[in-house]
Every structure is written in C-alpha cells, then in structure tokens.
N, C-alpha and C. Protein backbone atom coordinates (compact mmCIF):
# COMPACT_ATOMS: atom_id res chain seq x y z
N ALA A 1 119.99 117.56 120.75
CA ALA A 1 119.32 116.45 120.10
C ALA A 1 119.42 115.23 120.99
N ARG A 2 118.39 114.42 120.92
CA ARG A 2 118.39 113.17 121.67
C ARG A 2 117.42 112.20 121.01
N ALA A 3 117.74 110.96 121.12
CA ALA A 3 116.86 109.92 120.59
C ALA A 3 115.72 109.70 121.58
N ILE A 4 114.51 109.65 121.07
CA ILE A 4 113.36 109.42 121.95
C ILE A 4 112.64 108.11 121.65
N GLY A 5 113.08 107.42 120.62
CA GLY A 5 112.46 106.15 120.28
C GLY A 5 113.24 105.46 119.18
N GLY A 6 112.96 104.19 119.01
CA GLY A 6 113.62 103.44 117.96
C GLY A 6 114.52 102.36 118.52
N ASP A 7 115.33 101.84 117.65
CA ASP A 7 116.26 100.77 118.01
C ASP A 7 117.19 101.24 119.13
N ALA A 8 117.30 100.44 120.17
CA ALA A 8 118.10 100.81 121.35
C ALA A 8 119.56 101.05 120.99
N GLU A 9 120.12 100.23 120.13
CA GLU A 9 121.53 100.41 119.73
C GLU A 9 121.72 101.71 118.96
N LEU A 10 120.78 102.00 118.07
CA LEU A 10 120.86 103.24 117.29
C LEU A 10 120.73 104.45 118.22
N CYS A 11 119.81 104.37 119.17
CA CYS A 11 119.64 105.47 120.14
C CYS A 11 120.92 105.68 120.94
N ALA A 12 121.53 104.61 121.39
CA ALA A 12 122.78 104.71 122.16
C ALA A 12 123.88 105.30 121.30
N GLU A 13 123.95 104.88 120.05
CA GLU A 13 124.97 105.41 119.13
C GLU A 13 124.76 106.91 118.90
N LEU A 14 123.51 107.31 118.73
CA LEU A 14 123.21 108.73 118.54
C LEU A 14 123.59 109.52 119.79
N ASP A 15 123.23 109.02 120.96
CA ASP A 15 123.57 109.69 122.21
C ASP A 15 125.08 109.86 122.36
N GLU A 16 125.83 108.83 122.00
CA GLU A 16 127.30 108.91 122.07
C GLU A 16 127.84 109.96 121.11
N GLU A 17 127.28 110.01 119.91
CA GLU A 17 127.74 110.98 118.91
C GLU A 17 127.45 112.41 119.36
N VAL A 18 126.25 112.63 119.88
CA VAL A 18 125.90 113.97 120.38
C VAL A 18 126.81 114.34 121.54
N ALA A 19 127.05 113.42 122.45
CA ALA A 19 127.94 113.68 123.59
C ALA A 19 129.35 114.02 123.10
N ALA A 20 129.82 113.33 122.08
CA ALA A 20 131.16 113.61 121.54
C ALA A 20 131.22 115.01 120.92
N VAL A 21 130.18 115.39 120.21
CA VAL A 21 130.14 116.73 119.60
C VAL A 21 130.12 117.79 120.69
N LEU A 22 129.28 117.58 121.71
CA LEU A 22 129.19 118.56 122.79
C LEU A 22 130.46 118.64 123.62
N ALA A 23 131.22 117.56 123.67
CA ALA A 23 132.46 117.52 124.46
C ALA A 23 133.64 118.18 123.76
N GLN A 24 133.49 118.53 122.49
CA GLN A 24 134.59 119.16 121.77
C GLN A 24 134.93 120.49 122.42
N PRO A 25 136.22 120.81 122.52
CA PRO A 25 136.59 122.09 123.12
C PRO A 25 136.12 123.26 122.26
N ARG A 26 135.67 124.29 122.94
CA ARG A 26 135.21 125.49 122.24
C ARG A 26 135.75 126.71 122.97
N ASP A 27 135.92 127.77 122.22
CA ASP A 27 136.32 129.05 122.79
C ASP A 27 135.06 129.69 123.37
N ALA A 28 134.94 129.67 124.69
CA ALA A 28 133.73 130.16 125.35
C ALA A 28 133.44 131.61 125.00
N ALA A 29 134.47 132.45 124.94
CA ALA A 29 134.26 133.86 124.60
C ALA A 29 133.68 134.00 123.19
N LYS A 30 134.16 133.17 122.28
CA LYS A 30 133.66 133.22 120.90
C LYS A 30 132.20 132.75 120.84
N VAL A 31 131.88 131.68 121.54
CA VAL A 31 130.50 131.18 121.57
C VAL A 31 129.57 132.24 122.14
N LYS A 32 129.99 132.87 123.23
CA LYS A 32 129.18 133.92 123.84
C LYS A 32 129.00 135.10 122.90
N ALA A 33 130.08 135.52 122.24
CA ALA A 33 130.01 136.65 121.31
C ALA A 33 129.08 136.33 120.14
N GLU A 34 129.20 135.12 119.61
CA GLU A 34 128.34 134.74 118.48
C GLU A 34 126.88 134.66 118.90
N ALA A 35 126.61 134.15 120.09
CA ALA A 35 125.24 134.09 120.59
C ALA A 35 124.69 135.50 120.80
N SER A 36 125.52 136.39 121.34
CA SER A 36 125.10 137.77 121.54
C SER A 36 124.80 138.46 120.22
N GLU A 37 125.63 138.19 119.22
CA GLU A 37 125.40 138.77 117.89
C GLU A 37 124.10 138.24 117.29
N MET A 38 123.86 136.94 117.44
CA MET A 38 122.62 136.36 116.91
C MET A 38 121.41 136.97 117.60
N ARG A 39 121.50 137.15 118.91
CA ARG A 39 120.38 137.74 119.66
C ARG A 39 120.14 139.17 119.21
N ALA A 40 121.20 139.93 119.02
CA ALA A 40 121.06 141.31 118.56
C ALA A 40 120.43 141.36 117.18
N LEU A 41 120.80 140.44 116.31
CA LEU A 41 120.22 140.38 114.97
C LEU A 41 118.73 140.06 115.03
N ILE A 42 118.35 139.14 115.89
CA ILE A 42 116.92 138.83 116.06
C ILE A 42 116.17 140.06 116.51
N GLU A 43 116.72 140.80 117.48
CA GLU A 43 116.07 142.01 117.97
C GLU A 43 115.90 143.04 116.87
N LYS A 44 116.90 143.14 116.01
CA LYS A 44 116.85 144.11 114.92
C LYS A 44 115.86 143.68 113.84
N GLU A 45 115.93 142.41 113.44
CA GLU A 45 115.12 141.92 112.33
C GLU A 45 113.67 141.61 112.73
N LYS A 46 113.45 141.27 113.96
CA LYS A 46 112.11 140.88 114.41
C LYS A 46 111.86 141.43 115.81
N PRO A 47 111.68 142.74 115.91
CA PRO A 47 111.47 143.33 117.24
C PRO A 47 110.13 142.86 117.84
N PRO A 48 110.04 142.85 119.16
CA PRO A 48 108.79 142.43 119.79
C PRO A 48 107.67 143.44 119.52
N ARG A 49 106.44 142.93 119.44
CA ARG A 49 105.28 143.80 119.24
C ARG A 49 105.06 144.67 120.47
N ASP A 50 105.16 144.05 121.63
CA ASP A 50 104.93 144.73 122.90
C ASP A 50 105.44 143.84 124.03
N LEU A 51 105.16 144.21 125.24
CA LEU A 51 105.60 143.45 126.41
C LEU A 51 105.11 142.01 126.38
N TRP A 52 103.96 141.79 125.77
CA TRP A 52 103.35 140.46 125.76
C TRP A 52 103.90 139.56 124.67
N ASP A 53 104.85 140.05 123.91
CA ASP A 53 105.54 139.20 122.93
C ASP A 53 106.68 138.53 123.70
N ILE A 54 106.30 137.64 124.61
CA ILE A 54 107.20 137.07 125.61
C ILE A 54 108.38 136.34 125.00
N LYS A 55 108.20 135.81 123.84
CA LYS A 55 109.30 135.11 123.17
C LYS A 55 110.39 136.09 122.76
N LEU A 56 110.00 137.23 122.21
CA LEU A 56 110.97 138.14 121.59
C LEU A 56 111.42 139.31 122.46
N ILE A 57 110.71 139.63 123.53
CA ILE A 57 111.12 140.80 124.32
C ILE A 57 112.54 140.62 124.85
N PRO A 58 113.28 141.72 124.98
CA PRO A 58 114.58 141.60 125.63
C PRO A 58 114.37 141.01 127.03
N GLY A 59 115.09 139.95 127.32
CA GLY A 59 114.90 139.27 128.60
C GLY A 59 113.78 138.24 128.55
N GLY A 60 113.33 137.90 127.35
CA GLY A 60 112.25 136.93 127.20
C GLY A 60 112.77 135.52 126.96
N LEU A 61 111.91 134.70 126.37
CA LEU A 61 112.23 133.29 126.15
C LEU A 61 113.48 133.08 125.31
N ILE A 62 113.67 133.91 124.29
CA ILE A 62 114.85 133.72 123.44
C ILE A 62 116.13 133.96 124.23
N ASP A 63 116.15 134.96 125.10
CA ASP A 63 117.33 135.18 125.93
C ASP A 63 117.62 133.96 126.80
N LEU A 64 116.56 133.38 127.38
CA LEU A 64 116.74 132.19 128.21
C LEU A 64 117.26 131.02 127.39
N GLU A 65 116.76 130.86 126.18
CA GLU A 65 117.24 129.79 125.29
C GLU A 65 118.72 129.97 124.96
N PHE A 66 119.11 131.21 124.66
CA PHE A 66 120.52 131.47 124.35
C PHE A 66 121.40 131.18 125.56
N ILE A 67 120.98 131.59 126.74
CA ILE A 67 121.76 131.31 127.95
C ILE A 67 121.94 129.80 128.11
N ALA A 68 120.85 129.07 127.96
CA ALA A 68 120.90 127.61 128.13
C ALA A 68 121.82 126.97 127.09
N GLN A 69 121.68 127.36 125.84
CA GLN A 69 122.47 126.71 124.79
C GLN A 69 123.95 127.08 124.87
N VAL A 70 124.25 128.31 125.25
CA VAL A 70 125.66 128.68 125.44
C VAL A 70 126.25 127.85 126.57
N ALA A 71 125.49 127.68 127.64
CA ALA A 71 125.98 126.86 128.76
C ALA A 71 126.25 125.42 128.30
N VAL A 72 125.37 124.87 127.49
CA VAL A 72 125.57 123.51 126.98
C VAL A 72 126.83 123.45 126.12
N LEU A 73 126.95 124.39 125.19
CA LEU A 73 128.08 124.37 124.25
C LEU A 73 129.42 124.64 124.90
N THR A 74 129.41 125.32 126.03
CA THR A 74 130.67 125.65 126.70
C THR A 74 130.93 124.76 127.92
N GLY A 75 130.11 123.73 128.10
CA GLY A 75 130.34 122.78 129.18
C GLY A 75 130.01 123.30 130.56
N HIS A 76 129.01 124.16 130.66
CA HIS A 76 128.64 124.73 131.95
C HIS A 76 127.29 124.23 132.46
N VAL A 77 127.02 122.96 132.21
CA VAL A 77 125.80 122.34 132.73
C VAL A 77 126.22 121.13 133.56
N VAL A 78 125.74 121.08 134.79
CA VAL A 78 126.04 119.96 135.67
C VAL A 78 125.16 118.79 135.24
N GLU A 79 125.81 117.74 134.79
CA GLU A 79 125.08 116.55 134.34
C GLU A 79 124.97 115.56 135.49
N ALA A 80 123.76 115.14 135.75
CA ALA A 80 123.51 114.12 136.77
C ALA A 80 122.68 113.03 136.10
N GLY A 81 123.37 112.06 135.56
CA GLY A 81 122.66 111.01 134.82
C GLY A 81 122.52 111.37 133.35
N ARG A 82 121.37 111.09 132.80
CA ARG A 82 121.11 111.32 131.38
C ARG A 82 121.19 112.82 131.05
N ARG A 83 121.78 113.12 129.90
CA ARG A 83 121.91 114.50 129.45
C ARG A 83 120.53 115.14 129.29
N VAL A 84 120.37 116.31 129.85
CA VAL A 84 119.09 117.01 129.75
C VAL A 84 119.07 117.88 128.50
N THR A 85 117.88 118.04 127.92
CA THR A 85 117.75 118.87 126.73
C THR A 85 116.68 119.94 126.88
N ALA A 86 115.81 119.82 127.86
CA ALA A 86 114.76 120.81 128.07
C ALA A 86 115.38 122.07 128.67
N THR A 87 114.96 123.22 128.19
CA THR A 87 115.53 124.49 128.65
C THR A 87 115.41 124.64 130.16
N ALA A 88 114.26 124.31 130.72
CA ALA A 88 114.07 124.44 132.18
C ALA A 88 115.08 123.59 132.93
N ASP A 89 115.32 122.37 132.45
CA ASP A 89 116.29 121.49 133.11
C ASP A 89 117.71 122.01 132.98
N ILE A 90 118.04 122.54 131.82
CA ILE A 90 119.38 123.09 131.61
C ILE A 90 119.60 124.28 132.53
N LEU A 91 118.62 125.19 132.59
CA LEU A 91 118.76 126.36 133.45
C LEU A 91 118.93 125.95 134.91
N ALA A 92 118.22 124.93 135.33
CA ALA A 92 118.33 124.46 136.72
C ALA A 92 119.68 123.83 137.01
N ARG A 93 120.37 123.39 135.96
CA ARG A 93 121.65 122.70 136.15
C ARG A 93 122.85 123.52 135.65
N LEU A 94 122.68 124.82 135.52
CA LEU A 94 123.83 125.65 135.16
C LEU A 94 124.90 125.48 136.23
N SER A 95 126.13 125.31 135.80
CA SER A 95 127.20 125.09 136.76
C SER A 95 127.45 126.35 137.58
N PRO A 96 127.86 126.18 138.84
CA PRO A 96 128.10 127.32 139.72
C PRO A 96 129.14 128.29 139.17
N ASP A 97 130.09 127.81 138.37
CA ASP A 97 131.09 128.72 137.81
C ASP A 97 130.53 129.52 136.63
N PHE A 98 129.35 129.17 136.16
CA PHE A 98 128.69 129.92 135.08
C PHE A 98 127.66 130.88 135.66
N ALA A 99 126.84 130.38 136.59
CA ALA A 99 125.79 131.20 137.20
C ALA A 99 125.58 130.75 138.64
N GLY A 100 125.57 131.71 139.54
CA GLY A 100 125.36 131.40 140.95
C GLY A 100 123.95 130.90 141.20
N ALA A 101 123.73 130.38 142.39
CA ALA A 101 122.44 129.80 142.76
C ALA A 101 121.30 130.80 142.61
N ASP A 102 121.53 132.05 143.00
CA ASP A 102 120.47 133.06 142.90
C ASP A 102 120.11 133.33 141.44
N VAL A 103 121.09 133.39 140.58
CA VAL A 103 120.84 133.62 139.15
C VAL A 103 120.12 132.41 138.55
N ARG A 104 120.57 131.21 138.88
CA ARG A 104 119.90 130.00 138.39
C ARG A 104 118.43 130.01 138.78
N GLN A 105 118.17 130.32 140.04
CA GLN A 105 116.78 130.33 140.52
C GLN A 105 115.97 131.40 139.79
N GLN A 106 116.55 132.56 139.62
CA GLN A 106 115.87 133.65 138.92
C GLN A 106 115.54 133.27 137.48
N LEU A 107 116.48 132.64 136.80
CA LEU A 107 116.25 132.21 135.41
C LEU A 107 115.19 131.13 135.35
N CYS A 108 115.22 130.20 136.28
CA CYS A 108 114.20 129.14 136.32
C CYS A 108 112.81 129.72 136.61
N ASP A 109 112.75 130.66 137.53
CA ASP A 109 111.47 131.30 137.85
C ASP A 109 110.93 132.06 136.64
N ALA A 110 111.81 132.75 135.94
CA ALA A 110 111.40 133.49 134.75
C ALA A 110 110.87 132.53 133.69
N TYR A 111 111.58 131.44 133.48
CA TYR A 111 111.15 130.46 132.47
C TYR A 111 109.78 129.90 132.84
N ALA A 112 109.58 129.58 134.11
CA ALA A 112 108.29 129.05 134.56
C ALA A 112 107.17 130.08 134.35
N LEU A 113 107.44 131.34 134.66
CA LEU A 113 106.45 132.40 134.44
C LEU A 113 106.11 132.51 132.97
N TYR A 114 107.13 132.59 132.13
CA TYR A 114 106.90 132.74 130.69
C TYR A 114 106.12 131.56 130.13
N LEU A 115 106.48 130.37 130.56
CA LEU A 115 105.78 129.17 130.07
C LEU A 115 104.32 129.18 130.51
N ALA A 116 104.07 129.51 131.77
CA ALA A 116 102.69 129.55 132.27
C ALA A 116 101.85 130.54 131.47
N LEU A 117 102.41 131.72 131.23
CA LEU A 117 101.67 132.74 130.49
C LEU A 117 101.45 132.34 129.03
N THR A 118 102.52 131.92 128.36
CA THR A 118 102.38 131.59 126.94
C THR A 118 101.48 130.37 126.73
N GLN A 119 101.56 129.39 127.60
CA GLN A 119 100.69 128.22 127.44
C GLN A 119 99.23 128.58 127.64
N MET A 120 98.93 129.40 128.63
CA MET A 120 97.55 129.80 128.87
C MET A 120 97.02 130.63 127.70
N ILE A 121 97.84 131.53 127.20
CA ILE A 121 97.43 132.36 126.06
C ILE A 121 97.17 131.48 124.84
N ARG A 122 98.05 130.53 124.58
CA ARG A 122 97.87 129.63 123.43
C ARG A 122 96.63 128.76 123.56
N LEU A 123 96.31 128.35 124.78
CA LEU A 123 95.12 127.54 125.00
C LEU A 123 93.84 128.33 124.77
N CYS A 124 93.89 129.63 125.04
CA CYS A 124 92.67 130.44 125.04
C CYS A 124 92.48 131.29 123.79
N LEU A 125 93.52 131.57 123.06
CA LEU A 125 93.41 132.45 121.88
C LEU A 125 93.88 131.74 120.63
N THR A 126 93.28 132.10 119.52
CA THR A 126 93.73 131.55 118.24
C THR A 126 94.68 132.51 117.53
N GLY A 127 94.64 133.76 117.88
CA GLY A 127 95.52 134.75 117.25
C GLY A 127 96.47 135.36 118.26
N GLU A 128 97.00 136.52 117.90
CA GLU A 128 97.94 137.22 118.78
C GLU A 128 97.24 137.76 120.01
N PHE A 129 97.98 137.85 121.08
CA PHE A 129 97.50 138.46 122.32
C PHE A 129 97.46 139.97 122.11
N GLN A 130 96.31 140.57 122.30
CA GLN A 130 96.15 142.02 122.17
C GLN A 130 95.92 142.61 123.55
N ARG A 131 96.88 143.32 124.06
CA ARG A 131 96.83 143.86 125.42
C ARG A 131 95.57 144.66 125.68
N ASP A 132 95.12 145.44 124.71
CA ASP A 132 93.95 146.30 124.92
C ASP A 132 92.63 145.57 124.72
N ASP A 133 92.67 144.29 124.40
CA ASP A 133 91.45 143.53 124.14
C ASP A 133 91.55 142.13 124.76
N VAL A 134 91.92 142.10 126.04
CA VAL A 134 92.06 140.82 126.74
C VAL A 134 90.69 140.38 127.25
N PRO A 135 90.22 139.22 126.82
CA PRO A 135 88.94 138.74 127.34
C PRO A 135 89.02 138.59 128.87
N PRO A 136 87.95 138.98 129.58
CA PRO A 136 87.98 138.91 131.05
C PRO A 136 88.34 137.52 131.58
N GLY A 137 87.85 136.49 130.96
CA GLY A 137 88.17 135.13 131.42
C GLY A 137 89.65 134.83 131.30
N LEU A 138 90.27 135.28 130.21
CA LEU A 138 91.70 135.06 130.03
C LEU A 138 92.49 135.85 131.06
N SER A 139 92.08 137.07 131.31
CA SER A 139 92.74 137.88 132.33
C SER A 139 92.71 137.16 133.68
N ASP A 140 91.56 136.61 134.03
CA ASP A 140 91.43 135.87 135.29
C ASP A 140 92.35 134.65 135.32
N LEU A 141 92.43 133.93 134.20
CA LEU A 141 93.29 132.74 134.13
C LEU A 141 94.76 133.11 134.25
N LEU A 142 95.16 134.20 133.61
CA LEU A 142 96.56 134.63 133.69
C LEU A 142 96.93 135.02 135.11
N LEU A 143 96.00 135.67 135.79
CA LEU A 143 96.23 136.03 137.19
C LEU A 143 96.29 134.77 138.07
N ALA A 144 95.45 133.80 137.75
CA ALA A 144 95.43 132.56 138.54
C ALA A 144 96.73 131.77 138.39
N VAL A 145 97.24 131.66 137.16
CA VAL A 145 98.47 130.86 136.97
C VAL A 145 99.71 131.55 137.51
N THR A 146 99.62 132.86 137.72
CA THR A 146 100.76 133.60 138.27
C THR A 146 100.57 133.96 139.74
N ASP A 147 99.37 133.72 140.25
CA ASP A 147 99.04 134.03 141.64
C ASP A 147 99.28 135.51 141.95
N LEU A 148 98.84 136.36 141.02
CA LEU A 148 98.98 137.80 141.21
C LEU A 148 97.59 138.43 141.29
N PRO A 149 97.46 139.58 142.00
CA PRO A 149 96.13 140.13 142.30
C PRO A 149 95.42 140.86 141.15
N ASP A 150 96.18 141.51 140.28
CA ASP A 150 95.52 142.22 139.19
C ASP A 150 96.45 142.35 137.99
N PHE A 151 95.87 142.79 136.88
CA PHE A 151 96.61 142.81 135.62
C PHE A 151 97.77 143.81 135.64
N ALA A 152 97.61 144.93 136.33
CA ALA A 152 98.70 145.91 136.41
C ALA A 152 99.90 145.30 137.15
N VAL A 153 99.64 144.56 138.20
CA VAL A 153 100.71 143.91 138.95
C VAL A 153 101.37 142.84 138.08
N LEU A 154 100.57 142.10 137.32
CA LEU A 154 101.11 141.08 136.42
C LEU A 154 102.03 141.72 135.38
N GLU A 155 101.59 142.81 134.79
CA GLU A 155 102.44 143.47 133.79
C GLU A 155 103.72 144.02 134.42
N ALA A 156 103.61 144.59 135.61
CA ALA A 156 104.81 145.08 136.30
C ALA A 156 105.77 143.92 136.60
N HIS A 157 105.22 142.79 137.00
CA HIS A 157 106.03 141.60 137.28
C HIS A 157 106.70 141.09 136.00
N LEU A 158 105.97 141.09 134.91
CA LEU A 158 106.53 140.66 133.63
C LEU A 158 107.66 141.59 133.19
N LYS A 159 107.46 142.89 133.34
CA LYS A 159 108.51 143.87 133.00
C LYS A 159 109.76 143.66 133.86
N GLU A 160 109.55 143.52 135.15
CA GLU A 160 110.69 143.35 136.07
C GLU A 160 111.42 142.04 135.80
N THR A 161 110.67 140.99 135.54
CA THR A 161 111.28 139.69 135.24
C THR A 161 112.12 139.78 133.98
N SER A 162 111.58 140.38 132.93
CA SER A 162 112.33 140.49 131.68
C SER A 162 113.56 141.38 131.85
N ARG A 163 113.44 142.40 132.67
CA ARG A 163 114.60 143.27 132.94
C ARG A 163 115.71 142.47 133.63
N LYS A 164 115.34 141.64 134.60
CA LYS A 164 116.33 140.83 135.32
C LYS A 164 116.97 139.79 134.40
N VAL A 165 116.15 139.16 133.56
CA VAL A 165 116.70 138.15 132.64
C VAL A 165 117.67 138.82 131.67
N ARG A 166 117.32 140.00 131.16
CA ARG A 166 118.22 140.69 130.23
C ARG A 166 119.52 141.06 130.94
N ARG A 167 119.42 141.49 132.18
CA ARG A 167 120.63 141.80 132.95
C ARG A 167 121.50 140.55 133.09
N ASP A 168 120.87 139.42 133.39
CA ASP A 168 121.62 138.17 133.51
C ASP A 168 122.20 137.75 132.17
N PHE A 169 121.43 137.90 131.10
CA PHE A 169 121.93 137.60 129.75
C PHE A 169 123.19 138.42 129.48
N ASP A 170 123.13 139.71 129.78
CA ASP A 170 124.28 140.58 129.55
C ASP A 170 125.48 140.15 130.39
N ARG A 171 125.25 139.82 131.64
CA ARG A 171 126.36 139.40 132.51
C ARG A 171 126.96 138.06 132.08
N LEU A 172 126.10 137.13 131.71
CA LEU A 172 126.56 135.78 131.38
C LEU A 172 127.13 135.66 129.97
N LEU A 173 126.55 136.40 129.02
CA LEU A 173 126.95 136.23 127.63
C LEU A 173 127.70 137.42 127.04
N ARG A 174 127.45 138.61 127.55
CA ARG A 174 128.07 139.79 126.94
C ARG A 174 129.23 140.35 127.75
N ALA A 175 129.42 139.91 128.96
CA ALA A 175 130.52 140.41 129.78
C ALA A 175 131.85 140.10 129.10
N GLY A 176 132.66 141.10 128.93
CA GLY A 176 133.96 140.91 128.32
C GLY A 176 133.95 140.90 126.80
N VAL A 177 132.76 141.00 126.19
CA VAL A 177 132.68 141.04 124.73
C VAL A 177 132.89 142.48 124.29
N LEU A 178 133.74 142.66 123.32
CA LEU A 178 134.01 144.00 122.83
C LEU A 178 132.76 144.63 122.25
N PRO A 179 132.47 145.91 122.57
CA PRO A 179 131.26 146.56 122.08
C PRO A 179 131.13 146.54 120.56
N SER A 180 132.23 146.53 119.85
CA SER A 180 132.16 146.54 118.38
C SER A 180 131.68 145.21 117.82
N THR A 181 131.71 144.15 118.64
CA THR A 181 131.29 142.84 118.12
C THR A 181 129.84 142.53 118.42
N VAL A 182 129.20 143.30 119.30
CA VAL A 182 127.81 143.04 119.63
C VAL A 182 127.03 144.33 119.52
N SER A 183 125.96 144.30 118.76
CA SER A 183 125.10 145.47 118.63
C SER A 183 124.28 145.63 119.89
N SER A 184 124.01 146.85 120.25
CA SER A 184 123.14 147.09 121.39
C SER A 184 121.70 146.95 120.94
N PRO A 185 120.83 146.41 121.82
CA PRO A 185 119.42 146.27 121.45
C PRO A 185 118.74 147.61 121.37
C-alpha cells in the first residue's frame, strides 16, 4: 500500500505506518510455507483453462506476485529511495541473498512477457482468449510485441518461460518446506 494523493502529512504518516508494518520481524520459512500453501490452493480451486491463462498457469503471473510479496514481507527487496510497490520493480530489486542476478533477470523478463501478452489480449478481445480461434490480426500483434516469428514459437516460449518461473518459485518459496505442508500442483 502507498499513498498516491491527498494531504502531504497524511501521506507521510501512511508511508511511515506501512514501513513500520513491513519492518516487523517475520519467520521467513513460515511466510514462504504460507505463500506456497495459498498458491497450491489457488491451483486446486481455480485451475488454469490452458496455457493462455497466463495469470493462473503454474509459473504465471500469480507465481511472480507471490515471489514479489514474499520478498517484501521477508525484507528481501533492495530499497533505493522510495519504497516500490509495482511487481516489476520489486522483482528487479530482489536482494542478492534472495535471488541471484540471473534469476532476477529471468523473473523480470517473464513478467514483461506476460504483461505484453495480457495487455494486448485485453486491448483486442472482450472475452476469453480462445487458442483455437485467434483472430489473425491479434496473432500478428502478439508476435510483434514478443518479437517472435510464429505462433508455435510463441507458445513454446510461453511454456518454457512458465516452466522456468515455476522452477524459480519452487526454489525461492518451497525449498526447505516440508512436503506435508505444501500440496503439489
């Protein structure tokens, strides 16, 4: 949470309160376990329709959001100036002791890909994306925003990206968590 407008004193007071809450000590293993359990429950209760359900697929947007929020709650975000709240900014500032430079870059690239695809789909369609009924113009736009040559390559890239994000999610949030506390997807 952050104040985006209003009385300057009230905004400063809110920022201080949020900073104080975020600075409270937390058991990182417990936060990770609880986030993993929540993610597993989402997968069980609301499974993705298909690969193009970018928000819900294993390794999709929700995994990236959980990684970012766990990092915030456990103090693993490098703050440079004003506290960041956007997922892309948080992922870019994951502390080196939480995620190495290669993982940070991979997560940021995945987030950028997912955002480009979901924004283009939302701009062009009023309903759900149907893989077997993609309008040719939309297909061209999706290829243009990803700079990929054809739809098969785009889908392969999306699959590989989600696989890597899920692997990173497991390493960052599920490593060391007892199997009995986290359901497998």
